Amino acid sequence: VAEWLVEENKAPSQRDEFLAKVYVIALMDHQQATELLQD
């Protein structure tokens, strides 16, 4: 652990299906968009 602590960190990763849906929120009607955000 002590050896690993001094190693350089990798860049953080992100995978979020919700954000992919937000990206195309214009394809949703108001109700669908609201439900997505409310969830």
PDB file of all heavy atoms in Angstrom:
ATOM      1  N   VAL A   1       0.847  -1.201   0.000  1.00  0.00           N
ATOM      2  CA  VAL A   1       0.000   0.000   0.000  1.00  0.00           C
ATOM      3  C   VAL A   1       0.878   1.247   0.000  1.00  0.00           C
ATOM      4  O   VAL A   1       0.636   2.195  -0.757  1.00  0.00           O
ATOM      5  CB  VAL A   1      -0.963   0.021   1.215  1.00  0.00           C
ATOM      6  CG1 VAL A   1      -1.622   1.378   1.378  1.00  0.00           C
ATOM      7  CG2 VAL A   1      -2.022  -1.062   1.078  1.00  0.00           C
ATOM      8  N   ALA A   2       1.921   1.239   0.823  1.00  0.00           N
ATOM      9  CA  ALA A   2       2.832   2.393   0.889  1.00  0.00           C
ATOM     10  C   ALA A   2       3.477   2.663  -0.467  1.00  0.00           C
ATOM     11  O   ALA A   2       3.615   3.824  -0.872  1.00  0.00           O
ATOM     12  CB  ALA A   2       3.902   2.160   1.958  1.00  0.00           C
ATOM     13  N   GLU A   3       3.849   1.612  -1.176  1.00  0.00           N
ATOM     14  CA  GLU A   3       4.418   1.777  -2.527  1.00  0.00           C
ATOM     15  C   GLU A   3       3.384   2.343  -3.489  1.00  0.00           C
ATOM     16  O   GLU A   3       3.678   3.227  -4.291  1.00  0.00           O
ATOM     17  CB  GLU A   3       4.926   0.429  -3.061  1.00  0.00           C
ATOM     18  CG  GLU A   3       6.154  -0.097  -2.380  1.00  0.00           C
ATOM     19  CD  GLU A   3       6.538  -1.487  -2.870  1.00  0.00           C
ATOM     20  OE1 GLU A   3       6.139  -1.870  -3.995  1.00  0.00           O
ATOM     21  OE2 GLU A   3       7.228  -2.200  -2.111  1.00  0.00           O
ATOM     22  N   TRP A   4       2.169   1.821  -3.424  1.00  0.00           N
ATOM     23  CA  TRP A   4       1.100   2.250  -4.337  1.00  0.00           C
ATOM     24  C   TRP A   4       0.717   3.712  -4.109  1.00  0.00           C
ATOM     25  O   TRP A   4       0.388   4.430  -5.048  1.00  0.00           O
ATOM     26  CB  TRP A   4      -0.112   1.332  -4.164  1.00  0.00           C
ATOM     27  CG  TRP A   4      -1.262   1.656  -5.050  1.00  0.00           C
ATOM     28  CD1 TRP A   4      -1.330   1.515  -6.403  1.00  0.00           C
ATOM     29  CD2 TRP A   4      -2.531   2.182  -4.647  1.00  0.00           C
ATOM     30  NE1 TRP A   4      -2.569   1.906  -6.867  1.00  0.00           N
ATOM     31  CE2 TRP A   4      -3.326   2.328  -5.796  1.00  0.00           C
ATOM     32  CE3 TRP A   4      -3.076   2.533  -3.420  1.00  0.00           C
ATOM     33  CZ2 TRP A   4      -4.619   2.807  -5.764  1.00  0.00           C
ATOM     34  CZ3 TRP A   4      -4.374   3.006  -3.384  1.00  0.00           C
ATOM     35  CH2 TRP A   4      -5.120   3.141  -4.552  1.00  0.00           C
ATOM     36  N   LEU A   5       0.758   4.157  -2.858  1.00  0.00           N
ATOM     37  CA  LEU A   5       0.361   5.521  -2.532  1.00  0.00           C
ATOM     38  C   LEU A   5       1.182   6.575  -3.254  1.00  0.00           C
ATOM     39  O   LEU A   5       0.679   7.663  -3.536  1.00  0.00           O
ATOM     40  CB  LEU A   5       0.445   5.760  -1.019  1.00  0.00           C
ATOM     41  CG  LEU A   5      -0.624   5.076  -0.183  1.00  0.00           C
ATOM     42  CD1 LEU A   5      -0.364   5.284   1.296  1.00  0.00           C
ATOM     43  CD2 LEU A   5      -2.017   5.565  -0.561  1.00  0.00           C
ATOM     44  N   VAL A   6       2.426   6.272  -3.569  1.00  0.00           N
ATOM     45  CA  VAL A   6       3.281   7.268  -4.233  1.00  0.00           C
ATOM     46  C   VAL A   6       3.194   7.200  -5.756  1.00  0.00           C
ATOM     47  O   VAL A   6       3.767   8.049  -6.442  1.00  0.00           O
ATOM     48  CB  VAL A   6       4.754   7.158  -3.768  1.00  0.00           C
ATOM     49  CG1 VAL A   6       4.857   7.473  -2.273  1.00  0.00           C
ATOM     50  CG2 VAL A   6       5.341   5.793  -4.076  1.00  0.00           C
ATOM     51  N   GLU A   7       2.484   6.222  -6.286  1.00  0.00           N
ATOM     52  CA  GLU A   7       2.299   6.137  -7.733  1.00  0.00           C
ATOM     53  C   GLU A   7       1.358   7.240  -8.200  1.00  0.00           C
ATOM     54  O   GLU A   7       0.486   7.690  -7.453  1.00  0.00           O
ATOM     55  CB  GLU A   7       1.706   4.778  -8.136  1.00  0.00           C
ATOM     56  CG  GLU A   7       2.658   3.625  -7.981  1.00  0.00           C
ATOM     57  CD  GLU A   7       2.038   2.300  -8.405  1.00  0.00           C
ATOM     58  OE1 GLU A   7       0.959   2.297  -9.038  1.00  0.00           O
ATOM     59  OE2 GLU A   7       2.635   1.262  -8.083  1.00  0.00           O
ATOM     60  N   GLU A   8       1.527   7.652  -9.449  1.00  0.00           N
ATOM     61  CA  GLU A   8       0.650   8.678 -10.019  1.00  0.00           C
ATOM     62  C   GLU A   8      -0.763   8.122 -10.199  1.00  0.00           C
ATOM     63  O   GLU A   8      -0.942   6.971 -10.602  1.00  0.00           O
ATOM     64  CB  GLU A   8       1.205   9.118 -11.383  1.00  0.00           C
ATOM     65  CG  GLU A   8       0.460  10.276 -11.992  1.00  0.00           C
ATOM     66  CD  GLU A   8       1.095  10.769 -13.276  1.00  0.00           C
ATOM     67  OE1 GLU A   8       2.296  10.547 -13.479  1.00  0.00           O
ATOM     68  OE2 GLU A   8       0.365  11.384 -14.082  1.00  0.00           O
ATOM     69  N   ASN A   9      -1.747   8.945  -9.884  1.00  0.00           N
ATOM     70  CA  ASN A   9      -3.143   8.545 -10.039  1.00  0.00           C
ATOM     71  C   ASN A   9      -3.561   8.567 -11.501  1.00  0.00           C
ATOM     72  O   ASN A   9      -3.126   9.418 -12.263  1.00  0.00           O
ATOM     73  CB  ASN A   9      -4.073   9.488  -9.269  1.00  0.00           C
ATOM     74  CG  ASN A   9      -3.873   9.411  -7.787  1.00  0.00           C
ATOM     75  OD1 ASN A   9      -3.628   8.348  -7.248  1.00  0.00           O
ATOM     76  ND2 ASN A   9      -3.972  10.535  -7.112  1.00  0.00           N
ATOM     77  N   LYS A  10      -4.430   7.644 -11.850  1.00  0.00           N
ATOM     78  CA  LYS A  10      -5.024   7.650 -13.180  1.00  0.00           C
ATOM     79  C   LYS A  10      -6.095   8.727 -13.223  1.00  0.00           C
ATOM     80  O   LYS A  10      -6.670   9.084 -12.189  1.00  0.00           O
ATOM     81  CB  LYS A  10      -5.646   6.285 -13.490  1.00  0.00           C
ATOM     82  CG  LYS A  10      -4.643   5.160 -13.539  1.00  0.00           C
ATOM     83  CD  LYS A  10      -5.343   3.824 -13.708  1.00  0.00           C
ATOM     84  CE  LYS A  10      -4.303   2.711 -13.623  1.00  0.00           C
ATOM     85  NZ  LYS A  10      -4.912   1.428 -13.330  1.00  0.00           N
ATOM     86  N   ALA A  11      -6.407   9.217 -14.425  1.00  0.00           N
ATOM     87  CA  ALA A  11      -7.480  10.203 -14.570  1.00  0.00           C
ATOM     88  C   ALA A  11      -8.804   9.562 -14.160  1.00  0.00           C
ATOM     89  O   ALA A  11      -9.039   8.384 -14.457  1.00  0.00           O
ATOM     90  CB  ALA A  11      -7.554  10.694 -16.014  1.00  0.00           C
ATOM     91  N   PRO A  12      -9.679  10.308 -13.468  1.00  0.00           N
ATOM     92  CA  PRO A  12     -10.965   9.730 -13.076  1.00  0.00           C
ATOM     93  C   PRO A  12     -11.814   9.393 -14.296  1.00  0.00           C
ATOM     94  O   PRO A  12     -11.721  10.055 -15.324  1.00  0.00           O
ATOM     95  CB  PRO A  12     -11.630  10.832 -12.245  1.00  0.00           C
ATOM     96  CG  PRO A  12     -10.809  12.043 -12.388  1.00  0.00           C
ATOM     97  CD  PRO A  12      -9.529  11.674 -13.044  1.00  0.00           C
ATOM     98  N   SER A  13     -12.614   8.357 -14.157  1.00  0.00           N
ATOM     99  CA  SER A  13     -13.481   7.969 -15.264  1.00  0.00           C
ATOM    100  C   SER A  13     -14.924   8.235 -14.877  1.00  0.00           C
ATOM    101  O   SER A  13     -15.261   8.308 -13.704  1.00  0.00           O
ATOM    102  CB  SER A  13     -13.291   6.491 -15.606  1.00  0.00           C
ATOM    103  OG  SER A  13     -13.669   5.700 -14.507  1.00  0.00           O
ATOM    104  N   GLN A  14     -15.753   8.383 -15.887  1.00  0.00           N
ATOM    105  CA  GLN A  14     -17.165   8.623 -15.628  1.00  0.00           C
ATOM    106  C   GLN A  14     -18.000   7.866 -16.647  1.00  0.00           C
ATOM    107  O   GLN A  14     -17.731   7.933 -17.845  1.00  0.00           O
ATOM    108  CB  GLN A  14     -17.481  10.112 -15.724  1.00  0.00           C
ATOM    109  CG  GLN A  14     -18.945  10.412 -15.507  1.00  0.00           C
ATOM    110  CD  GLN A  14     -19.248  11.892 -15.568  1.00  0.00           C
ATOM    111  OE1 GLN A  14     -18.443  12.704 -15.203  1.00  0.00           O
ATOM    112  NE2 GLN A  14     -20.415  12.227 -16.038  1.00  0.00           N
ATOM    113  N   ARG A  15     -18.996   7.166 -16.162  1.00  0.00           N
ATOM    114  CA  ARG A  15     -19.965   6.483 -17.017  1.00  0.00           C
ATOM    115  C   ARG A  15     -21.323   6.706 -16.382  1.00  0.00           C
ATOM    116  O   ARG A  15     -21.574   6.219 -15.285  1.00  0.00           O
ATOM    117  CB  ARG A  15     -19.652   5.003 -17.103  1.00  0.00           C
ATOM    118  CG  ARG A  15     -18.394   4.700 -17.879  1.00  0.00           C
ATOM    119  CD  ARG A  15     -17.970   3.270 -17.839  1.00  0.00           C
ATOM    120  NE  ARG A  15     -19.059   2.316 -17.760  1.00  0.00           N
ATOM    121  CZ  ARG A  15     -18.911   1.012 -17.846  1.00  0.00           C
ATOM    122  NH1 ARG A  15     -17.710   0.507 -18.010  1.00  0.00           N
ATOM    123  NH2 ARG A  15     -19.931   0.199 -17.755  1.00  0.00           N
ATOM    124  N   ASP A  16     -22.171   7.456 -17.044  1.00  0.00           N
ATOM    125  CA  ASP A  16     -23.467   7.784 -16.470  1.00  0.00           C
ATOM    126  C   ASP A  16     -24.523   7.769 -17.564  1.00  0.00           C
ATOM    127  O   ASP A  16     -24.605   8.680 -18.382  1.00  0.00           O
ATOM    128  CB  ASP A  16     -23.388   9.166 -15.803  1.00  0.00           C
ATOM    129  CG  ASP A  16     -24.592   9.478 -14.938  1.00  0.00           C
ATOM    130  OD1 ASP A  16     -25.676   8.895 -15.179  1.00  0.00           O
ATOM    131  OD2 ASP A  16     -24.457  10.316 -14.038  1.00  0.00           O
ATOM    132  N   GLU A  17     -25.313   6.714 -17.581  1.00  0.00           N
ATOM    133  CA  GLU A  17     -26.365   6.539 -18.584  1.00  0.00           C
ATOM    134  C   GLU A  17     -27.347   7.711 -18.563  1.00  0.00           C
ATOM    135  O   GLU A  17     -27.824   8.163 -19.609  1.00  0.00           O
ATOM    136  CB  GLU A  17     -27.104   5.228 -18.306  1.00  0.00           C
ATOM    137  CG  GLU A  17     -28.178   4.891 -19.291  1.00  0.00           C
ATOM    138  CD  GLU A  17     -28.862   3.568 -18.950  1.00  0.00           C
ATOM    139  OE1 GLU A  17     -28.361   2.812 -18.108  1.00  0.00           O
ATOM    140  OE2 GLU A  17     -29.914   3.312 -19.557  1.00  0.00           O
ATOM    141  N   PHE A  18     -27.634   8.225 -17.383  1.00  0.00           N
ATOM    142  CA  PHE A  18     -28.538   9.360 -17.233  1.00  0.00           C
ATOM    143  C   PHE A  18     -28.074  10.540 -18.081  1.00  0.00           C
ATOM    144  O   PHE A  18     -28.880  11.178 -18.764  1.00  0.00           O
ATOM    145  CB  PHE A  18     -28.626   9.749 -15.749  1.00  0.00           C
ATOM    146  CG  PHE A  18     -29.259  11.083 -15.495  1.00  0.00           C
ATOM    147  CD1 PHE A  18     -30.641  11.226 -15.498  1.00  0.00           C
ATOM    148  CD2 PHE A  18     -28.482  12.198 -15.226  1.00  0.00           C
ATOM    149  CE1 PHE A  18     -31.229  12.461 -15.252  1.00  0.00           C
ATOM    150  CE2 PHE A  18     -29.057  13.426 -14.978  1.00  0.00           C
ATOM    151  CZ  PHE A  18     -30.434  13.560 -14.987  1.00  0.00           C
ATOM    152  N   LEU A  19     -26.784  10.839 -18.046  1.00  0.00           N
ATOM    153  CA  LEU A  19     -26.268  11.985 -18.798  1.00  0.00           C
ATOM    154  C   LEU A  19     -26.388  11.779 -20.307  1.00  0.00           C
ATOM    155  O   LEU A  19     -26.616  12.738 -21.053  1.00  0.00           O
ATOM    156  CB  LEU A  19     -24.816  12.281 -18.406  1.00  0.00           C
ATOM    157  CG  LEU A  19     -24.635  12.771 -16.972  1.00  0.00           C
ATOM    158  CD1 LEU A  19     -23.164  12.974 -16.653  1.00  0.00           C
ATOM    159  CD2 LEU A  19     -25.453  14.024 -16.694  1.00  0.00           C
ATOM    160  N   ALA A  20     -26.287  10.544 -20.758  1.00  0.00           N
ATOM    161  CA  ALA A  20     -26.503  10.263 -22.179  1.00  0.00           C
ATOM    162  C   ALA A  20     -27.938  10.588 -22.560  1.00  0.00           C
ATOM    163  O   ALA A  20     -28.209  11.131 -23.636  1.00  0.00           O
ATOM    164  CB  ALA A  20     -26.169   8.810 -22.494  1.00  0.00           C
ATOM    165  N   LYS A  21     -28.879  10.283 -21.673  1.00  0.00           N
ATOM    166  CA  LYS A  21     -30.290  10.583 -21.925  1.00  0.00           C
ATOM    167  C   LYS A  21     -30.542  12.087 -21.878  1.00  0.00           C
ATOM    168  O   LYS A  21     -31.314  12.621 -22.675  1.00  0.00           O
ATOM    169  CB  LYS A  21     -31.187   9.837 -20.932  1.00  0.00           C
ATOM    170  CG  LYS A  21     -31.174   8.338 -21.165  1.00  0.00           C
ATOM    171  CD  LYS A  21     -32.005   7.601 -20.142  1.00  0.00           C
ATOM    172  CE  LYS A  21     -31.946   6.104 -20.394  1.00  0.00           C
ATOM    173  NZ  LYS A  21     -32.758   5.348 -19.436  1.00  0.00           N
ATOM    174  N   VAL A  22     -29.894  12.772 -20.952  1.00  0.00           N
ATOM    175  CA  VAL A  22     -30.028  14.231 -20.876  1.00  0.00           C
ATOM    176  C   VAL A  22     -29.493  14.869 -22.158  1.00  0.00           C
ATOM    177  O   VAL A  22     -30.060  15.844 -22.657  1.00  0.00           O
ATOM    178  CB  VAL A  22     -29.300  14.797 -19.635  1.00  0.00           C
ATOM    179  CG1 VAL A  22     -29.197  16.317 -19.698  1.00  0.00           C
ATOM    180  CG2 VAL A  22     -30.020  14.364 -18.361  1.00  0.00           C
ATOM    181  N   TYR A  23     -28.454  14.309 -22.691  1.00  0.00           N
ATOM    182  CA  TYR A  23     -27.845  14.854 -23.912  1.00  0.00           C
ATOM    183  C   TYR A  23     -28.860  14.949 -25.051  1.00  0.00           C
ATOM    184  O   TYR A  23     -28.806  15.858 -25.866  1.00  0.00           O
ATOM    185  CB  TYR A  23     -26.646  13.984 -24.316  1.00  0.00           C
ATOM    186  CG  TYR A  23     -25.808  14.585 -25.408  1.00  0.00           C
ATOM    187  CD1 TYR A  23     -24.886  15.587 -25.108  1.00  0.00           C
ATOM    188  CD2 TYR A  23     -25.929  14.154 -26.720  1.00  0.00           C
ATOM    189  CE1 TYR A  23     -24.108  16.145 -26.102  1.00  0.00           C
ATOM    190  CE2 TYR A  23     -25.149  14.710 -27.726  1.00  0.00           C
ATOM    191  CZ  TYR A  23     -24.244  15.702 -27.405  1.00  0.00           C
ATOM    192  OH  TYR A  23     -23.474  16.263 -28.387  1.00  0.00           O
ATOM    193  N   VAL A  24     -29.807  14.029 -25.092  1.00  0.00           N
ATOM    194  CA  VAL A  24     -30.829  14.031 -26.148  1.00  0.00           C
ATOM    195  C   VAL A  24     -32.213  14.336 -25.568  1.00  0.00           C
ATOM    196  O   VAL A  24     -33.231  13.884 -26.095  1.00  0.00           O
ATOM    197  CB  VAL A  24     -30.839  12.701 -26.944  1.00  0.00           C
ATOM    198  CG1 VAL A  24     -29.571  12.535 -27.729  1.00  0.00           C
ATOM    199  CG2 VAL A  24     -31.077  11.521 -26.010  1.00  0.00           C
ATOM    200  N   ILE A  25     -32.250  15.135 -24.523  1.00  0.00           N
ATOM    201  CA  ILE A  25     -33.517  15.441 -23.856  1.00  0.00           C
ATOM    202  C   ILE A  25     -34.492  16.159 -24.787  1.00  0.00           C
ATOM    203  O   ILE A  25     -35.704  16.093 -24.595  1.00  0.00           O
ATOM    204  CB  ILE A  25     -33.269  16.229 -22.545  1.00  0.00           C
ATOM    205  CG1 ILE A  25     -34.416  16.014 -21.564  1.00  0.00           C
ATOM    206  CG2 ILE A  25     -32.990  17.707 -22.821  1.00  0.00           C
ATOM    207  CD1 ILE A  25     -34.084  16.362 -20.135  1.00  0.00           C
ATOM    208  N   ALA A  26     -33.987  16.801 -25.809  1.00  0.00           N
ATOM    209  CA  ALA A  26     -34.845  17.488 -26.774  1.00  0.00           C
ATOM    210  C   ALA A  26     -35.756  16.506 -27.509  1.00  0.00           C
ATOM    211  O   ALA A  26     -36.793  16.902 -28.053  1.00  0.00           O
ATOM    212  CB  ALA A  26     -34.006  18.280 -27.766  1.00  0.00           C
ATOM    213  N   LEU A  27     -35.408  15.226 -27.516  1.00  0.00           N
ATOM    214  CA  LEU A  27     -36.250  14.217 -28.166  1.00  0.00           C
ATOM    215  C   LEU A  27     -37.425  13.797 -27.283  1.00  0.00           C
ATOM    216  O   LEU A  27     -38.343  13.128 -27.751  1.00  0.00           O
ATOM    217  CB  LEU A  27     -35.425  12.977 -28.522  1.00  0.00           C
ATOM    218  CG  LEU A  27     -34.291  13.164 -29.524  1.00  0.00           C
ATOM    219  CD1 LEU A  27     -33.537  11.853 -29.691  1.00  0.00           C
ATOM    220  CD2 LEU A  27     -34.825  13.671 -30.853  1.00  0.00           C
ATOM    221  N   MET A  28     -37.391  14.182 -26.027  1.00  0.00           N
ATOM    222  CA  MET A  28     -38.442  13.785 -25.085  1.00  0.00           C
ATOM    223  C   MET A  28     -39.521  14.858 -25.021  1.00  0.00           C
ATOM    224  O   MET A  28     -39.245  16.040 -25.211  1.00  0.00           O
ATOM    225  CB  MET A  28     -37.854  13.613 -23.683  1.00  0.00           C
ATOM    226  CG  MET A  28     -36.826  12.539 -23.553  1.00  0.00           C
ATOM    227  SD  MET A  28     -36.224  12.497 -21.841  1.00  0.00           S
ATOM    228  CE  MET A  28     -34.679  11.638 -22.094  1.00  0.00           C
ATOM    229  N   ASP A  29     -40.728  14.418 -24.677  1.00  0.00           N
ATOM    230  CA  ASP A  29     -41.749  15.426 -24.394  1.00  0.00           C
ATOM    231  C   ASP A  29     -41.527  15.922 -22.960  1.00  0.00           C
ATOM    232  O   ASP A  29     -40.711  15.374 -22.210  1.00  0.00           O
ATOM    233  CB  ASP A  29     -43.171  14.887 -24.617  1.00  0.00           C
ATOM    234  CG  ASP A  29     -43.558  13.732 -23.695  1.00  0.00           C
ATOM    235  OD1 ASP A  29     -43.062  13.669 -22.546  1.00  0.00           O
ATOM    236  OD2 ASP A  29     -44.358  12.882 -24.126  1.00  0.00           O
ATOM    237  N   HIS A  30     -42.257  16.964 -22.585  1.00  0.00           N
ATOM    238  CA  HIS A  30     -42.067  17.599 -21.283  1.00  0.00           C
ATOM    239  C   HIS A  30     -42.236  16.596 -20.135  1.00  0.00           C
ATOM    240  O   HIS A  30     -41.452  16.583 -19.185  1.00  0.00           O
ATOM    241  CB  HIS A  30     -43.038  18.780 -21.124  1.00  0.00           C
ATOM    242  CG  HIS A  30     -42.829  19.540 -19.863  1.00  0.00           C
ATOM    243  ND1 HIS A  30     -43.576  19.311 -18.731  1.00  0.00           N
ATOM    244  CD2 HIS A  30     -41.935  20.513 -19.547  1.00  0.00           C
ATOM    245  CE1 HIS A  30     -43.161  20.110 -17.764  1.00  0.00           C
ATOM    246  NE2 HIS A  30     -42.164  20.863 -18.232  1.00  0.00           N
ATOM    247  N   GLN A  31     -43.236  15.737 -20.236  1.00  0.00           N
ATOM    248  CA  GLN A  31     -43.502  14.753 -19.182  1.00  0.00           C
ATOM    249  C   GLN A  31     -42.344  13.763 -19.028  1.00  0.00           C
ATOM    250  O   GLN A  31     -41.917  13.470 -17.901  1.00  0.00           O
ATOM    251  CB  GLN A  31     -44.815  13.994 -19.472  1.00  0.00           C
ATOM    252  CG  GLN A  31     -45.209  12.990 -18.413  1.00  0.00           C
ATOM    253  CD  GLN A  31     -45.488  13.619 -17.052  1.00  0.00           C
ATOM    254  OE1 GLN A  31     -45.984  14.738 -16.967  1.00  0.00           O
ATOM    255  NE2 GLN A  31     -45.146  12.908 -15.997  1.00  0.00           N
ATOM    256  N   GLN A  32     -41.834  13.265 -20.142  1.00  0.00           N
ATOM    257  CA  GLN A  32     -40.702  12.317 -20.082  1.00  0.00           C
ATOM    258  C   GLN A  32     -39.474  12.986 -19.479  1.00  0.00           C
ATOM    259  O   GLN A  32     -38.777  12.387 -18.644  1.00  0.00           O
ATOM    260  CB  GLN A  32     -40.361  11.803 -21.479  1.00  0.00           C
ATOM    261  CG  GLN A  32     -41.372  10.858 -22.072  1.00  0.00           C
ATOM    262  CD  GLN A  32     -41.040  10.549 -23.532  1.00  0.00           C
ATOM    263  OE1 GLN A  32     -40.738  11.444 -24.312  1.00  0.00           O
ATOM    264  NE2 GLN A  32     -41.104   9.261 -23.872  1.00  0.00           N
ATOM    265  N   ALA A  33     -39.203  14.202 -19.895  1.00  0.00           N
ATOM    266  CA  ALA A  33     -38.040  14.927 -19.376  1.00  0.00           C
ATOM    267  C   ALA A  33     -38.188  15.159 -17.871  1.00  0.00           C
ATOM    268  O   ALA A  33     -37.234  14.977 -17.107  1.00  0.00           O
ATOM    269  CB  ALA A  33     -37.869  16.245 -20.116  1.00  0.00           C
ATOM    270  N   THR A  34     -39.392  15.533 -17.462  1.00  0.00           N
ATOM    271  CA  THR A  34     -39.648  15.759 -16.037  1.00  0.00           C
ATOM    272  C   THR A  34     -39.469  14.477 -15.237  1.00  0.00           C
ATOM    273  O   THR A  34     -38.839  14.482 -14.177  1.00  0.00           O
ATOM    274  CB  THR A  34     -41.070  16.333 -15.831  1.00  0.00           C
ATOM    275  OG1 THR A  34     -41.122  17.617 -16.482  1.00  0.00           O
ATOM    276  CG2 THR A  34     -41.419  16.485 -14.369  1.00  0.00           C
ATOM    277  N   GLU A  35     -39.982  13.373 -15.737  1.00  0.00           N
ATOM    278  CA  GLU A  35     -39.829  12.089 -15.041  1.00  0.00           C
ATOM    279  C   GLU A  35     -38.359  11.697 -14.920  1.00  0.00           C
ATOM    280  O   GLU A  35     -37.929  11.207 -13.878  1.00  0.00           O
ATOM    281  CB  GLU A  35     -40.622  11.002 -15.759  1.00  0.00           C
ATOM    282  CG  GLU A  35     -42.119  11.131 -15.568  1.00  0.00           C
ATOM    283  CD  GLU A  35     -42.921  10.132 -16.399  1.00  0.00           C
ATOM    284  OE1 GLU A  35     -42.321   9.217 -17.007  1.00  0.00           O
ATOM    285  OE2 GLU A  35     -44.164  10.282 -16.430  1.00  0.00           O
ATOM    286  N   LEU A  36     -37.603  11.911 -15.988  1.00  0.00           N
ATOM    287  CA  LEU A  36     -36.167  11.603 -15.960  1.00  0.00           C
ATOM    288  C   LEU A  36     -35.480  12.392 -14.850  1.00  0.00           C
ATOM    289  O   LEU A  36     -34.740  11.831 -14.034  1.00  0.00           O
ATOM    290  CB  LEU A  36     -35.538  11.923 -17.324  1.00  0.00           C
ATOM    291  CG  LEU A  36     -34.037  11.705 -17.447  1.00  0.00           C
ATOM    292  CD1 LEU A  36     -33.704  10.211 -17.419  1.00  0.00           C
ATOM    293  CD2 LEU A  36     -33.521  12.349 -18.721  1.00  0.00           C
ATOM    294  N   LEU A  37     -35.743  13.682 -14.810  1.00  0.00           N
ATOM    295  CA  LEU A  37     -35.104  14.536 -13.806  1.00  0.00           C
ATOM    296  C   LEU A  37     -35.621  14.240 -12.399  1.00  0.00           C
ATOM    297  O   LEU A  37     -34.848  14.246 -11.440  1.00  0.00           O
ATOM    298  CB  LEU A  37     -35.315  16.003 -14.143  1.00  0.00           C
ATOM    299  CG  LEU A  37     -34.523  16.494 -15.358  1.00  0.00           C
ATOM    300  CD1 LEU A  37     -34.985  17.870 -15.771  1.00  0.00           C
ATOM    301  CD2 LEU A  37     -33.033  16.484 -15.060  1.00  0.00           C
ATOM    302  N   GLN A  38     -36.902  13.968 -12.266  1.00  0.00           N
ATOM    303  CA  GLN A  38     -37.470  13.700 -10.943  1.00  0.00           C
ATOM    304  C   GLN A  38     -36.927  12.397 -10.349  1.00  0.00           C
ATOM    305  O   GLN A  38     -36.686  12.323  -9.141  1.00  0.00           O
ATOM    306  CB  GLN A  38     -39.001  13.673 -10.994  1.00  0.00           C
ATOM    307  CG  GLN A  38     -39.623  15.046 -11.248  1.00  0.00           C
ATOM    308  CD  GLN A  38     -39.174  16.094 -10.240  1.00  0.00           C
ATOM    309  OE1 GLN A  38     -39.261  15.896  -9.042  1.00  0.00           O
ATOM    310  NE2 GLN A  38     -38.668  17.213 -10.743  1.00  0.00           N
ATOM    311  N   ASP A  39     -36.720  11.404 -11.187  1.00  0.00           N
ATOM    312  CA  ASP A  39     -36.118  10.153 -10.708  1.00  0.00           C
ATOM    313  C   ASP A  39     -34.717  10.416 -10.165  1.00  0.00           C
ATOM    314  O   ASP A  39     -34.337   9.923  -9.094  1.00  0.00           O
ATOM    315  CB  ASP A  39     -36.052   9.107 -11.823  1.00  0.00           C
ATOM    316  CG  ASP A  39     -37.407   8.509 -12.162  1.00  0.00           C
ATOM    317  OD1 ASP A  39     -38.368   8.711 -11.394  1.00  0.00           O
ATOM    318  OD2 ASP A  39     -37.494   7.838 -13.214  1.00  0.00           O
TER     319      ASP A  39
END
